[in-house]
């Protein structure tokens, strides 16, 4: 039933502002005209505004003002991403749903979206506050034909995608804080969580989670993070269409991913560094063995953080605590 309804929505979308006859819909979907009418009535109950005229057929006038599989797929101009979409009104985490879907043979490019996460998380199991219907809470299932050691590059790719989209729509240039945070005016706007299931030499699947603060006001954030977090609305004083933003992210991601698979990481590396937070500036690094200050030089081909010590030695960091905001003594 849902598959038929999705096909019906796509046919209405393809006809744009023109009417499409009930007879043609019946032939395309291989169901009766009575069944077409019943589907139309159910779509109307879901919030779709559909006009029907005798001797002309049906046309879509307006989509529902809410997030769903159908509203995201309506007008989504992609080749493989988002062909399968799982939408949840509320879920502990889209990552959990995406992992379950991947283990059940979900297609490459499957998208999991939610209005709300009740236990959203970022790197190192940090809590992510996922306000209902005010942000983008999305996980993406990928099955890349790359070696497992290259998987961290997908986090960096995703960061450039989010930075590109935010810059495109807001005209405010964000920055990427290594490895996975998107900042606007030094406050966190979005985060990325990449998780992988792999064998020694082969990736089974990758799940990339994205959390983007879109329409939150300052008081939507807990007091403890109000000075550290921001949203597109706070930064632009404008309310944003979440469905359209998701579509823009998916289109941009597909283009960037296809280019990466074809041409490799150099273009992603250059773009990431163009957005890189504090590149060329002093940061403080704390490892298990020592604590020191260094100059942040950029990222390596494998996604590691490149630093130059005060003694002039270049190092690659894969782990450690970075203090980005400590002032010079």
C-alpha atoms as a PDB file:
ATOM      1  CA  UNK A   1       0.000   0.000   0.000  1.00  0.00           C
ATOM      2  CA  UNK A   2       2.710   2.455   0.946  1.00  0.00           C
ATOM      3  CA  UNK A   3       4.687   1.573  -2.172  1.00  0.00           C
ATOM      4  CA  UNK A   4       1.649   2.317  -4.344  1.00  0.00           C
ATOM      5  CA  UNK A   5       1.082   5.598  -2.536  1.00  0.00           C
ATOM      6  CA  UNK A   6       4.704   6.644  -3.059  1.00  0.00           C
ATOM      7  CA  UNK A   7       4.391   5.873  -6.765  1.00  0.00           C
ATOM      8  CA  UNK A   8       1.188   7.908  -6.896  1.00  0.00           C
ATOM      9  CA  UNK A   9       2.893  10.891  -5.261  1.00  0.00           C
ATOM     10  CA  UNK A  10       5.794  10.651  -7.715  1.00  0.00           C
ATOM     11  CA  UNK A  11       3.387  10.619 -10.679  1.00  0.00           C
ATOM     12  CA  UNK A  12       1.641  13.710  -9.324  1.00  0.00           C
ATOM     13  CA  UNK A  13       5.008  15.380  -8.808  1.00  0.00           C
ATOM     14  CA  UNK A  14       6.105  14.541 -12.350  1.00  0.00           C
ATOM     15  CA  UNK A  15       2.981  16.185 -13.773  1.00  0.00           C
ATOM     16  CA  UNK A  16       3.870  19.409 -11.895  1.00  0.00           C
ATOM     17  CA  UNK A  17       1.013  21.924 -12.377  1.00  0.00           C
ATOM     18  CA  UNK A  18      -0.790  19.862 -15.030  1.00  0.00           C
ATOM     19  CA  UNK A  19      -3.669  17.520 -14.363  1.00  0.00           C
ATOM     20  CA  UNK A  20      -3.091  13.792 -14.744  1.00  0.00           C
ATOM     21  CA  UNK A  21      -6.119  11.672 -15.570  1.00  0.00           C
ATOM     22  CA  UNK A  22      -7.474   9.008 -13.292  1.00  0.00           C
ATOM     23  CA  UNK A  23      -7.340   6.579 -16.209  1.00  0.00           C
ATOM     24  CA  UNK A  24      -3.629   7.190 -16.759  1.00  0.00           C
ATOM     25  CA  UNK A  25      -2.921   6.829 -13.045  1.00  0.00           C
ATOM     26  CA  UNK A  26      -4.893   3.584 -13.050  1.00  0.00           C
ATOM     27  CA  UNK A  27      -2.824   2.231 -15.939  1.00  0.00           C
ATOM     28  CA  UNK A  28       0.502   3.337 -14.468  1.00  0.00           C
ATOM     29  CA  UNK A  29      -0.212   1.860 -11.037  1.00  0.00           C
ATOM     30  CA  UNK A  30      -2.196  -1.152 -12.243  1.00  0.00           C
ATOM     31  CA  UNK A  31      -5.055  -0.482  -9.851  1.00  0.00           C
ATOM     32  CA  UNK A  32      -8.674   0.535 -10.352  1.00  0.00           C
ATOM     33  CA  UNK A  33      -9.857   4.122 -10.597  1.00  0.00           C
ATOM     34  CA  UNK A  34     -11.832   3.504  -7.414  1.00  0.00           C
ATOM     35  CA  UNK A  35      -8.579   2.558  -5.666  1.00  0.00           C
ATOM     36  CA  UNK A  36      -6.978   5.752  -7.024  1.00  0.00           C
ATOM     37  CA  UNK A  37      -9.777   7.791  -5.454  1.00  0.00           C
ATOM     38  CA  UNK A  38      -9.307   6.022  -2.098  1.00  0.00           C
ATOM     39  CA  UNK A  39      -5.575   6.773  -2.170  1.00  0.00           C
ATOM     40  CA  UNK A  40      -6.321  10.427  -2.924  1.00  0.00           C
ATOM     41  CA  UNK A  41      -8.658  10.645   0.056  1.00  0.00           C
ATOM     42  CA  UNK A  42      -6.018   9.170   2.362  1.00  0.00           C
ATOM     43  CA  UNK A  43      -3.411  11.613   1.058  1.00  0.00           C
ATOM     44  CA  UNK A  44      -5.795  14.468   1.804  1.00  0.00           C
ATOM     45  CA  UNK A  45      -6.164  13.202   5.369  1.00  0.00           C
ATOM     46  CA  UNK A  46      -2.365  13.253   5.632  1.00  0.00           C
ATOM     47  CA  UNK A  47      -2.411  16.945   4.757  1.00  0.00           C
ATOM     48  CA  UNK A  48      -1.877  16.861   0.995  1.00  0.00           C
ATOM     49  CA  UNK A  49      -4.015  19.375  -0.895  1.00  0.00           C
ATOM     50  CA  UNK A  50      -5.144  17.697  -4.115  1.00  0.00           C
ATOM     51  CA  UNK A  51      -7.548  19.104  -6.686  1.00  0.00           C
ATOM     52  CA  UNK A  52      -9.704  16.796  -8.773  1.00  0.00           C
ATOM     53  CA  UNK A  53     -11.675  17.932 -11.854  1.00  0.00           C
ATOM     54  CA  UNK A  54     -14.047  15.965 -14.046  1.00  0.00           C
ATOM     55  CA  UNK A  55     -12.619  15.084 -17.448  1.00  0.00           C
ATOM     56  CA  UNK A  56      -9.197  16.443 -16.397  1.00  0.00           C
ATOM     57  CA  UNK A  57      -7.976  14.380 -13.473  1.00  0.00           C
ATOM     58  CA  UNK A  58      -5.928  15.275 -10.441  1.00  0.00           C
ATOM     59  CA  UNK A  59      -3.137  17.668  -9.550  1.00  0.00           C
ATOM     60  CA  UNK A  60      -1.203  18.380  -6.391  1.00  0.00           C
ATOM     61  CA  UNK A  61      -1.627  21.911  -5.078  1.00  0.00           C
ATOM     62  CA  UNK A  62       0.218  21.847  -1.782  1.00  0.00           C
ATOM     63  CA  UNK A  63       2.275  19.482   0.341  1.00  0.00           C
ATOM     64  CA  UNK A  64       1.633  18.958   4.046  1.00  0.00           C
ATOM     65  CA  UNK A  65       3.593  21.265   6.307  1.00  0.00           C
ATOM     66  CA  UNK A  66       5.336  18.436   8.106  1.00  0.00           C
ATOM     67  CA  UNK A  67       8.239  16.054   7.813  1.00  0.00           C
ATOM     68  CA  UNK A  68       7.547  12.645   6.279  1.00  0.00           C
ATOM     69  CA  UNK A  69       8.903  10.146   3.781  1.00  0.00           C
ATOM     70  CA  UNK A  70       6.636  11.605   1.121  1.00  0.00           C
ATOM     71  CA  UNK A  71       7.371  15.288   1.688  1.00  0.00           C
ATOM     72  CA  UNK A  72      11.138  14.671   1.513  1.00  0.00           C
ATOM     73  CA  UNK A  73      10.871  12.522  -1.617  1.00  0.00           C
ATOM     74  CA  UNK A  74       8.534  14.981  -3.329  1.00  0.00           C
ATOM     75  CA  UNK A  75      10.781  16.894  -5.731  1.00  0.00           C
ATOM     76  CA  UNK A  76      14.000  15.268  -4.446  1.00  0.00           C
ATOM     77  CA  UNK A  77      16.278  15.337  -7.492  1.00  0.00           C
ATOM     78  CA  UNK A  78      18.755  12.558  -6.684  1.00  0.00           C
ATOM     79  CA  UNK A  79      19.863   9.369  -8.394  1.00  0.00           C
ATOM     80  CA  UNK A  80      20.355   7.027  -5.430  1.00  0.00           C
ATOM     81  CA  UNK A  81      20.209   8.838  -2.125  1.00  0.00           C
ATOM     82  CA  UNK A  82      16.825   9.010  -0.408  1.00  0.00           C
ATOM     83  CA  UNK A  83      15.123   6.432  -2.626  1.00  0.00           C
ATOM     84  CA  UNK A  84      14.308   4.705   0.633  1.00  0.00           C
ATOM     85  CA  UNK A  85      13.353   6.948   3.555  1.00  0.00           C
ATOM     86  CA  UNK A  86      12.379   5.919   7.076  1.00  0.00           C
ATOM     87  CA  UNK A  87      10.602   8.611   9.089  1.00  0.00           C
ATOM     88  CA  UNK A  88       9.923   8.493  12.818  1.00  0.00           C
ATOM     89  CA  UNK A  89       7.878  11.036  14.731  1.00  0.00           C
ATOM     90  CA  UNK A  90       9.986  10.279  17.805  1.00  0.00           C
ATOM     91  CA  UNK A  91      12.880   7.887  18.340  1.00  0.00           C
ATOM     92  CA  UNK A  92      15.712   7.520  20.840  1.00  0.00           C
ATOM     93  CA  UNK A  93      18.221   7.950  17.985  1.00  0.00           C
ATOM     94  CA  UNK A  94      18.141   7.834  14.203  1.00  0.00           C
ATOM     95  CA  UNK A  95      21.513   6.041  14.439  1.00  0.00           C
ATOM     96  CA  UNK A  96      19.858   3.050  16.105  1.00  0.00           C
ATOM     97  CA  UNK A  97      17.167   2.841  13.408  1.00  0.00           C
ATOM     98  CA  UNK A  98      19.791   3.200  10.653  1.00  0.00           C
ATOM     99  CA  UNK A  99      21.944   0.400  12.092  1.00  0.00           C
ATOM    100  CA  UNK A 100      18.910  -1.871  12.294  1.00  0.00           C
ATOM    101  CA  UNK A 101      17.964  -1.022   8.715  1.00  0.00           C
ATOM    102  CA  UNK A 102      21.519  -1.615   7.475  1.00  0.00           C
ATOM    103  CA  UNK A 103      21.643  -5.015   9.173  1.00  0.00           C
ATOM    104  CA  UNK A 104      18.378  -5.849   7.383  1.00  0.00           C
ATOM    105  CA  UNK A 105      19.909  -5.112   3.966  1.00  0.00           C
ATOM    106  CA  UNK A 106      18.770  -1.491   3.616  1.00  0.00           C
ATOM    107  CA  UNK A 107      19.737   0.073   0.315  1.00  0.00           C
ATOM    108  CA  UNK A 108      22.829   2.219  -0.107  1.00  0.00           C
ATOM    109  CA  UNK A 109      21.538   5.758   0.368  1.00  0.00           C
ATOM    110  CA  UNK A 110      18.732   4.888   2.788  1.00  0.00           C
ATOM    111  CA  UNK A 111      17.802   7.924   4.901  1.00  0.00           C
ATOM    112  CA  UNK A 112      16.433   7.858   8.440  1.00  0.00           C
ATOM    113  CA  UNK A 113      14.830  11.073   9.689  1.00  0.00           C
ATOM    114  CA  UNK A 114      12.977  12.005  12.860  1.00  0.00           C
ATOM    115  CA  UNK A 115      10.978  14.917  14.204  1.00  0.00           C
ATOM    116  CA  UNK A 116      12.569  14.308  17.593  1.00  0.00           C
ATOM    117  CA  UNK A 117      15.301  12.243  19.233  1.00  0.00           C
ATOM    118  CA  UNK A 118      14.865  11.451  22.900  1.00  0.00           C
ATOM    119  CA  UNK A 119      18.421  10.126  23.377  1.00  0.00           C
ATOM    120  CA  UNK A 120      20.396  11.763  20.591  1.00  0.00           C
ATOM    121  CA  UNK A 121      24.152  11.378  20.880  1.00  0.00           C
ATOM    122  CA  UNK A 122      27.334  12.696  19.373  1.00  0.00           C
ATOM    123  CA  UNK A 123      30.944  11.542  19.525  1.00  0.00           C
ATOM    124  CA  UNK A 124      32.159   9.906  22.749  1.00  0.00           C
ATOM    125  CA  UNK A 125      28.486   9.269  23.691  1.00  0.00           C
ATOM    126  CA  UNK A 126      27.909  12.955  24.401  1.00  0.00           C
ATOM    127  CA  UNK A 127      24.247  13.941  24.572  1.00  0.00           C
ATOM    128  CA  UNK A 128      22.761  15.793  21.598  1.00  0.00           C
ATOM    129  CA  UNK A 129      19.682  17.898  22.325  1.00  0.00           C
ATOM    130  CA  UNK A 130      17.228  17.208  19.496  1.00  0.00           C
ATOM    131  CA  UNK A 131      14.334  19.646  19.894  1.00  0.00           C
ATOM    132  CA  UNK A 132      11.095  18.397  18.369  1.00  0.00           C
ATOM    133  CA  UNK A 133      10.454  19.724  14.842  1.00  0.00           C
ATOM    134  CA  UNK A 134      13.123  22.419  15.183  1.00  0.00           C
ATOM    135  CA  UNK A 135      16.153  20.685  13.735  1.00  0.00           C
ATOM    136  CA  UNK A 136      17.346  18.069  11.288  1.00  0.00           C
ATOM    137  CA  UNK A 137      17.960  14.714  12.926  1.00  0.00           C
ATOM    138  CA  UNK A 138      19.106  12.399  10.157  1.00  0.00           C
ATOM    139  CA  UNK A 139      21.153   9.252   9.622  1.00  0.00           C
ATOM    140  CA  UNK A 140      22.351   7.937   6.299  1.00  0.00           C
ATOM    141  CA  UNK A 141      23.193   4.332   5.391  1.00  0.00           C
ATOM    142  CA  UNK A 142      26.102   3.958   2.972  1.00  0.00           C
ATOM    143  CA  UNK A 143      27.804   0.915   1.492  1.00  0.00           C
ATOM    144  CA  UNK A 144      31.002   2.438   0.092  1.00  0.00           C
ATOM    145  CA  UNK A 145      33.468   0.361  -1.882  1.00  0.00           C
ATOM    146  CA  UNK A 146      36.485   1.745  -0.034  1.00  0.00           C
ATOM    147  CA  UNK A 147      38.931   0.315   2.476  1.00  0.00           C
ATOM    148  CA  UNK A 148      37.878   0.577   6.141  1.00  0.00           C
ATOM    149  CA  UNK A 149      40.847   2.808   7.013  1.00  0.00           C
ATOM    150  CA  UNK A 150      39.444   5.457   4.664  1.00  0.00           C
ATOM    151  CA  UNK A 151      36.075   5.668   6.447  1.00  0.00           C
ATOM    152  CA  UNK A 152      37.068   8.766   8.520  1.00  0.00           C
ATOM    153  CA  UNK A 153      37.238  10.665   5.230  1.00  0.00           C
ATOM    154  CA  UNK A 154      33.443  10.307   5.027  1.00  0.00           C
ATOM    155  CA  UNK A 155      33.077  12.363   8.213  1.00  0.00           C
ATOM    156  CA  UNK A 156      35.173  15.129   6.670  1.00  0.00           C
ATOM    157  CA  UNK A 157      33.209  14.904   3.409  1.00  0.00           C
ATOM    158  CA  UNK A 158      29.931  15.225   5.325  1.00  0.00           C
ATOM    159  CA  UNK A 159      31.253  18.262   7.182  1.00  0.00           C
ATOM    160  CA  UNK A 160      32.014  20.013   3.879  1.00  0.00           C
ATOM    161  CA  UNK A 161      28.522  19.178   2.624  1.00  0.00           C
ATOM    162  CA  UNK A 162      26.861  20.738   5.681  1.00  0.00           C
ATOM    163  CA  UNK A 163      29.170  23.760   5.502  1.00  0.00           C
ATOM    164  CA  UNK A 164      28.394  24.232   1.806  1.00  0.00           C
ATOM    165  CA  UNK A 165      24.630  24.028   2.354  1.00  0.00           C
ATOM    166  CA  UNK A 166      24.663  26.365   5.359  1.00  0.00           C
ATOM    167  CA  UNK A 167      26.787  28.875   3.463  1.00  0.00           C
ATOM    168  CA  UNK A 168      24.562  28.598   0.383  1.00  0.00           C
ATOM    169  CA  UNK A 169      21.279  29.228   2.184  1.00  0.00           C
ATOM    170  CA  UNK A 170      22.320  31.668   4.924  1.00  0.00           C
ATOM    171  CA  UNK A 171      25.192  33.522   3.168  1.00  0.00           C
ATOM    172  CA  UNK A 172      27.066  33.207   6.463  1.00  0.00           C
ATOM    173  CA  UNK A 173      30.308  31.293   6.089  1.00  0.00           C
ATOM    174  CA  UNK A 174      30.521  28.568   8.756  1.00  0.00           C
ATOM    175  CA  UNK A 175      33.653  26.883  10.021  1.00  0.00           C
ATOM    176  CA  UNK A 176      34.442  23.211  10.596  1.00  0.00           C
ATOM    177  CA  UNK A 177      36.008  22.319  13.940  1.00  0.00           C
ATOM    178  CA  UNK A 178      37.949  19.078  13.563  1.00  0.00           C
ATOM    179  CA  UNK A 179      36.713  16.546  13.069  1.00  0.00           C
ATOM    180  CA  UNK A 180      32.962  16.848  13.077  1.00  0.00           C
ATOM    181  CA  UNK A 181      31.464  20.137  14.332  1.00  0.00           C
ATOM    182  CA  UNK A 182      30.021  22.954  12.223  1.00  0.00           C
ATOM    183  CA  UNK A 183      30.322  26.373  13.855  1.00  0.00           C
ATOM    184  CA  UNK A 184      28.667  29.700  13.134  1.00  0.00           C
ATOM    185  CA  UNK A 185      30.365  32.600  14.878  1.00  0.00           C
ATOM    186  CA  UNK A 186      32.294  30.050  16.983  1.00  0.00           C
ATOM    187  CA  UNK A 187      29.119  28.375  18.275  1.00  0.00           C
ATOM    188  CA  UNK A 188      28.075  24.825  17.427  1.00  0.00           C
ATOM    189  CA  UNK A 189      25.366  24.579  14.799  1.00  0.00           C
ATOM    190  CA  UNK A 190      25.740  20.984  13.635  1.00  0.00           C
ATOM    191  CA  UNK A 191      27.541  17.771  14.478  1.00  0.00           C
ATOM    192  CA  UNK A 192      28.346  14.520  12.708  1.00  0.00           C
ATOM    193  CA  UNK A 193      28.639  10.970  14.045  1.00  0.00           C
ATOM    194  CA  UNK A 194      30.095   8.294  11.771  1.00  0.00           C
ATOM    195  CA  UNK A 195      29.883   4.624  12.730  1.00  0.00           C
ATOM    196  CA  UNK A 196      31.007   1.613  10.733  1.00  0.00           C
ATOM    197  CA  UNK A 197      30.479  -2.114  10.537  1.00  0.00           C
ATOM    198  CA  UNK A 198      33.398  -3.732   8.745  1.00  0.00           C
ATOM    199  CA  UNK A 199      35.635  -6.732   8.357  1.00  0.00           C
ATOM    200  CA  UNK A 200      39.407  -6.387   8.172  1.00  0.00           C
ATOM    201  CA  UNK A 201      39.488  -5.375   4.511  1.00  0.00           C
ATOM    202  CA  UNK A 202      35.860  -4.637   3.634  1.00  0.00           C
ATOM    203  CA  UNK A 203      33.190  -2.224   4.830  1.00  0.00           C
ATOM    204  CA  UNK A 204      29.785  -3.794   5.297  1.00  0.00           C
ATOM    205  CA  UNK A 205      28.102  -0.449   5.884  1.00  0.00           C
ATOM    206  CA  UNK A 206      28.631   3.015   7.287  1.00  0.00           C
ATOM    207  CA  UNK A 207      26.025   5.057   9.170  1.00  0.00           C
ATOM    208  CA  UNK A 208      26.535   8.813   9.135  1.00  0.00           C
ATOM    209  CA  UNK A 209      24.439  10.741  11.620  1.00  0.00           C
ATOM    210  CA  UNK A 210      23.826  14.460  11.262  1.00  0.00           C
ATOM    211  CA  UNK A 211      22.292  16.799  13.800  1.00  0.00           C
ATOM    212  CA  UNK A 212      21.615  20.347  12.634  1.00  0.00           C
ATOM    213  CA  UNK A 213      20.102  23.092  14.779  1.00  0.00           C
ATOM    214  CA  UNK A 214      17.666  24.900  12.503  1.00  0.00           C
ATOM    215  CA  UNK A 215      14.750  26.753  14.099  1.00  0.00           C
ATOM    216  CA  UNK A 216      15.633  26.782  17.800  1.00  0.00           C
ATOM    217  CA  UNK A 217      15.481  29.965  19.803  1.00  0.00           C
ATOM    218  CA  UNK A 218      18.121  30.465  22.489  1.00  0.00           C
ATOM    219  CA  UNK A 219      15.812  29.249  25.264  1.00  0.00           C
ATOM    220  CA  UNK A 220      15.218  25.973  23.404  1.00  0.00           C
ATOM    221  CA  UNK A 221      18.728  24.943  24.435  1.00  0.00           C
ATOM    222  CA  UNK A 222      19.523  23.806  28.003  1.00  0.00           C
ATOM    223  CA  UNK A 223      21.104  26.559  30.091  1.00  0.00           C
ATOM    224  CA  UNK A 224      24.434  24.739  30.202  1.00  0.00           C
ATOM    225  CA  UNK A 225      24.965  24.998  26.418  1.00  0.00           C
ATOM    226  CA  UNK A 226      23.245  28.288  25.581  1.00  0.00           C
ATOM    227  CA  UNK A 227      26.585  30.070  25.305  1.00  0.00           C
ATOM    228  CA  UNK A 228      28.043  27.278  23.131  1.00  0.00           C
ATOM    229  CA  UNK A 229      25.195  26.354  20.769  1.00  0.00           C
ATOM    230  CA  UNK A 230      23.363  28.249  18.074  1.00  0.00           C
ATOM    231  CA  UNK A 231      20.921  27.625  15.222  1.00  0.00           C
ATOM    232  CA  UNK A 232      20.291  28.904  11.726  1.00  0.00           C
ATOM    233  CA  UNK A 233      17.325  30.877  13.075  1.00  0.00           C
ATOM    234  CA  UNK A 234      19.374  32.546  15.814  1.00  0.00           C
ATOM    235  CA  UNK A 235      22.092  33.498  13.336  1.00  0.00           C
ATOM    236  CA  UNK A 236      19.765  34.769  10.580  1.00  0.00           C
ATOM    237  CA  UNK A 237      16.608  35.816  12.451  1.00  0.00           C
ATOM    238  CA  UNK A 238      14.714  33.702   9.930  1.00  0.00           C
ATOM    239  CA  UNK A 239      12.623  30.528  10.143  1.00  0.00           C
ATOM    240  CA  UNK A 240      13.751  27.805   7.751  1.00  0.00           C
ATOM    241  CA  UNK A 241      11.892  25.081   5.832  1.00  0.00           C
ATOM    242  CA  UNK A 242      13.330  21.858   7.269  1.00  0.00           C
ATOM    243  CA  UNK A 243      12.139  19.655   4.395  1.00  0.00           C
ATOM    244  CA  UNK A 244      13.827  21.856   1.797  1.00  0.00           C
ATOM    245  CA  UNK A 245      17.029  21.938   3.829  1.00  0.00           C
ATOM    246  CA  UNK A 246      17.060  18.139   4.034  1.00  0.00           C
ATOM    247  CA  UNK A 247      16.586  17.926   0.276  1.00  0.00           C
ATOM    248  CA  UNK A 248      19.432  20.376  -0.290  1.00  0.00           C
ATOM    249  CA  UNK A 249      21.707  18.357   1.995  1.00  0.00           C
ATOM    250  CA  UNK A 250      20.865  15.086   0.229  1.00  0.00           C
ATOM    251  CA  UNK A 251      21.415  16.517  -3.252  1.00  0.00           C
ATOM    252  CA  UNK A 252      24.725  18.101  -2.231  1.00  0.00           C
ATOM    253  CA  UNK A 253      25.852  14.964  -0.424  1.00  0.00           C
ATOM    254  CA  UNK A 254      25.174  12.750  -3.437  1.00  0.00           C
ATOM    255  CA  UNK A 255      27.151  15.043  -5.736  1.00  0.00           C
ATOM    256  CA  UNK A 256      30.076  15.278  -3.313  1.00  0.00           C
ATOM    257  CA  UNK A 257      30.103  11.544  -2.563  1.00  0.00           C
ATOM    258  CA  UNK A 258      30.042  10.576  -6.249  1.00  0.00           C
ATOM    259  CA  UNK A 259      32.948  12.944  -6.936  1.00  0.00           C
ATOM    260  CA  UNK A 260      34.872  11.519  -3.987  1.00  0.00           C
ATOM    261  CA  UNK A 261      34.379   7.916  -5.118  1.00  0.00           C
ATOM    262  CA  UNK A 262      35.517   8.849  -8.623  1.00  0.00           C
ATOM    263  CA  UNK A 263      38.394  11.229  -7.855  1.00  0.00           C
ATOM    264  CA  UNK A 264      39.479  10.519  -4.294  1.00  0.00           C
ATOM    265  CA  UNK A 265      40.050  12.742  -1.266  1.00  0.00           C
ATOM    266  CA  UNK A 266      42.197  15.716  -2.446  1.00  0.00           C
ATOM    267  CA  UNK A 267      39.236  17.939  -3.396  1.00  0.00           C
ATOM    268  CA  UNK A 268      37.479  17.183  -0.091  1.00  0.00           C
ATOM    269  CA  UNK A 269      40.674  17.916   1.824  1.00  0.00           C
ATOM    270  CA  UNK A 270      41.082  21.307   0.138  1.00  0.00           C
ATOM    271  CA  UNK A 271      37.468  22.258   0.717  1.00  0.00           C
ATOM    272  CA  UNK A 272      37.570  21.130   4.345  1.00  0.00           C
ATOM    273  CA  UNK A 273      40.658  23.255   4.966  1.00  0.00           C
ATOM    274  CA  UNK A 274      38.945  26.265   3.356  1.00  0.00           C
ATOM    275  CA  UNK A 275      36.351  26.020   6.145  1.00  0.00           C
ATOM    276  CA  UNK A 276      38.778  24.833   8.834  1.00  0.00           C
ATOM    277  CA  UNK A 277      38.418  26.437  12.248  1.00  0.00           C
ATOM    278  CA  UNK A 278      41.674  27.949  13.569  1.00  0.00           C
ATOM    279  CA  UNK A 279      43.896  26.705  10.764  1.00  0.00           C
ATOM    280  CA  UNK A 280      47.197  28.546  11.118  1.00  0.00           C
ATOM    281  CA  UNK A 281      46.440  29.433  14.742  1.00  0.00           C
ATOM    282  CA  UNK A 282      47.546  28.152  18.132  1.00  0.00           C
ATOM    283  CA  UNK A 283      45.707  25.306  19.817  1.00  0.00           C
ATOM    284  CA  UNK A 284      46.417  23.343  22.986  1.00  0.00           C
ATOM    285  CA  UNK A 285      46.824  19.575  22.747  1.00  0.00           C
ATOM    286  CA  UNK A 286      46.547  17.115  25.625  1.00  0.00           C
ATOM    287  CA  UNK A 287      47.490  13.476  25.147  1.00  0.00           C
ATOM    288  CA  UNK A 288      48.044  10.674  27.661  1.00  0.00           C
ATOM    289  CA  UNK A 289      51.722  11.522  27.732  1.00  0.00           C
ATOM    290  CA  UNK A 290      51.897  15.312  27.549  1.00  0.00           C
ATOM    291  CA  UNK A 291      50.215  18.680  27.135  1.00  0.00           C
ATOM    292  CA  UNK A 292      51.554  21.295  24.737  1.00  0.00           C
ATOM    293  CA  UNK A 293      50.609  24.083  22.371  1.00  0.00           C
ATOM    294  CA  UNK A 294      50.988  23.862  18.607  1.00  0.00           C
ATOM    295  CA  UNK A 295      49.915  25.438  15.351  1.00  0.00           C
ATOM    296  CA  UNK A 296      46.979  23.764  13.611  1.00  0.00           C
ATOM    297  CA  UNK A 297      48.200  23.187  10.043  1.00  0.00           C
ATOM    298  CA  UNK A 298      45.265  21.354   8.433  1.00  0.00           C
ATOM    299  CA  UNK A 299      44.302  17.728   7.865  1.00  0.00           C
ATOM    300  CA  UNK A 300      46.203  14.768   6.468  1.00  0.00           C
ATOM    301  CA  UNK A 301      45.032  12.539   3.610  1.00  0.00           C
ATOM    302  CA  UNK A 302      43.605  10.039   6.084  1.00  0.00           C
ATOM    303  CA  UNK A 303      41.731  12.722   8.018  1.00  0.00           C
ATOM    304  CA  UNK A 304      44.189  13.087  10.895  1.00  0.00           C
ATOM    305  CA  UNK A 305      44.760  16.518  12.395  1.00  0.00           C
ATOM    306  CA  UNK A 306      48.081  18.071  11.338  1.00  0.00           C
ATOM    307  CA  UNK A 307      49.951  20.219  13.851  1.00  0.00           C
ATOM    308  CA  UNK A 308      53.320  21.927  13.984  1.00  0.00           C
ATOM    309  CA  UNK A 309      54.911  21.995  17.421  1.00  0.00           C
ATOM    310  CA  UNK A 310      56.695  25.032  18.809  1.00  0.00           C
ATOM    311  CA  UNK A 311      59.914  23.180  17.944  1.00  0.00           C
ATOM    312  CA  UNK A 312      58.920  23.073  14.285  1.00  0.00           C
ATOM    313  CA  UNK A 313      58.045  19.355  14.154  1.00  0.00           C
ATOM    314  CA  UNK A 314      54.976  18.314  12.118  1.00  0.00           C
ATOM    315  CA  UNK A 315      52.787  15.670  13.744  1.00  0.00           C
ATOM    316  CA  UNK A 316      49.575  13.834  12.918  1.00  0.00           C
ATOM    317  CA  UNK A 317      47.005  13.460  15.698  1.00  0.00           C
ATOM    318  CA  UNK A 318      44.346  10.761  15.667  1.00  0.00           C
ATOM    319  CA  UNK A 319      43.209  11.194  19.248  1.00  0.00           C
ATOM    320  CA  UNK A 320      43.698  13.491  22.175  1.00  0.00           C
ATOM    321  CA  UNK A 321      41.931  16.416  23.769  1.00  0.00           C
ATOM    322  CA  UNK A 322      42.088  19.691  21.851  1.00  0.00           C
ATOM    323  CA  UNK A 323      41.483  23.000  23.602  1.00  0.00           C
ATOM    324  CA  UNK A 324      40.494  25.323  20.778  1.00  0.00           C
ATOM    325  CA  UNK A 325      39.651  28.348  22.864  1.00  0.00           C
ATOM    326  CA  UNK A 326      42.476  28.683  25.405  1.00  0.00           C
ATOM    327  CA  UNK A 327      43.951  32.144  25.081  1.00  0.00           C
ATOM    328  CA  UNK A 328      47.611  32.862  24.652  1.00  0.00           C
ATOM    329  CA  UNK A 329      49.483  33.446  27.848  1.00  0.00           C
END
